[in-house]
Amino acid sequence: MANFLDSNTGDLVTWMKTKSTITSLVGTDTVELGNQCRLYADNAKQGVSLPYIVFIQAGGEAYHHHGGVNSIRETVLHFYCYGATDTVANTLVEAVKTELDALQRVTIGSTWVEMTLTDIPDSGNDLEPASDKRRYWRRIVTNIVHA
């Protein structure tokens, strides 16, 4: 479980990089050679091209029982899907949502995932860092119960 959210080799990232519905949209990362897709924890790499995904851990909790804390965790993640157009950002967030919604009662790597709950995406746009080019984003909030 400790390796679930590692930004390079975590079970969740490794699993997402095997999903062609996602990797077909975000392609191969030209900044960090060797990655199979542009999927980042906390911040995108500087100079990365659109589209890409950034996920942020926004909270979570450990489950308790009469004997104390057990190994089950609920992790709250925000997935931001960025694109050069609103359509691209929407297509990407729908691909992420579809894959996460299917993540029910399975083992990915060494992590057991009991269930995943996703909310309805919200959206916005802003300027790319150090640029006057607009980028569009869609965010989906996801709760993942895992051990």
Foldseek 3Di string as FASTA:
>chain_A
DVQQVPFPDHLVQVVVLVQCLQLVLFAAWPVDPPRSGQEGEPDGDPPTDDWHKYKYFDDKDFDADPVGTDPKIKTKMKIKTKGLDQVSQVSNVVSVVVVQQPQDQDDGDNKGWHGKDKDDKDWDWDADPPGPRIMIIIMIIMIIIMD
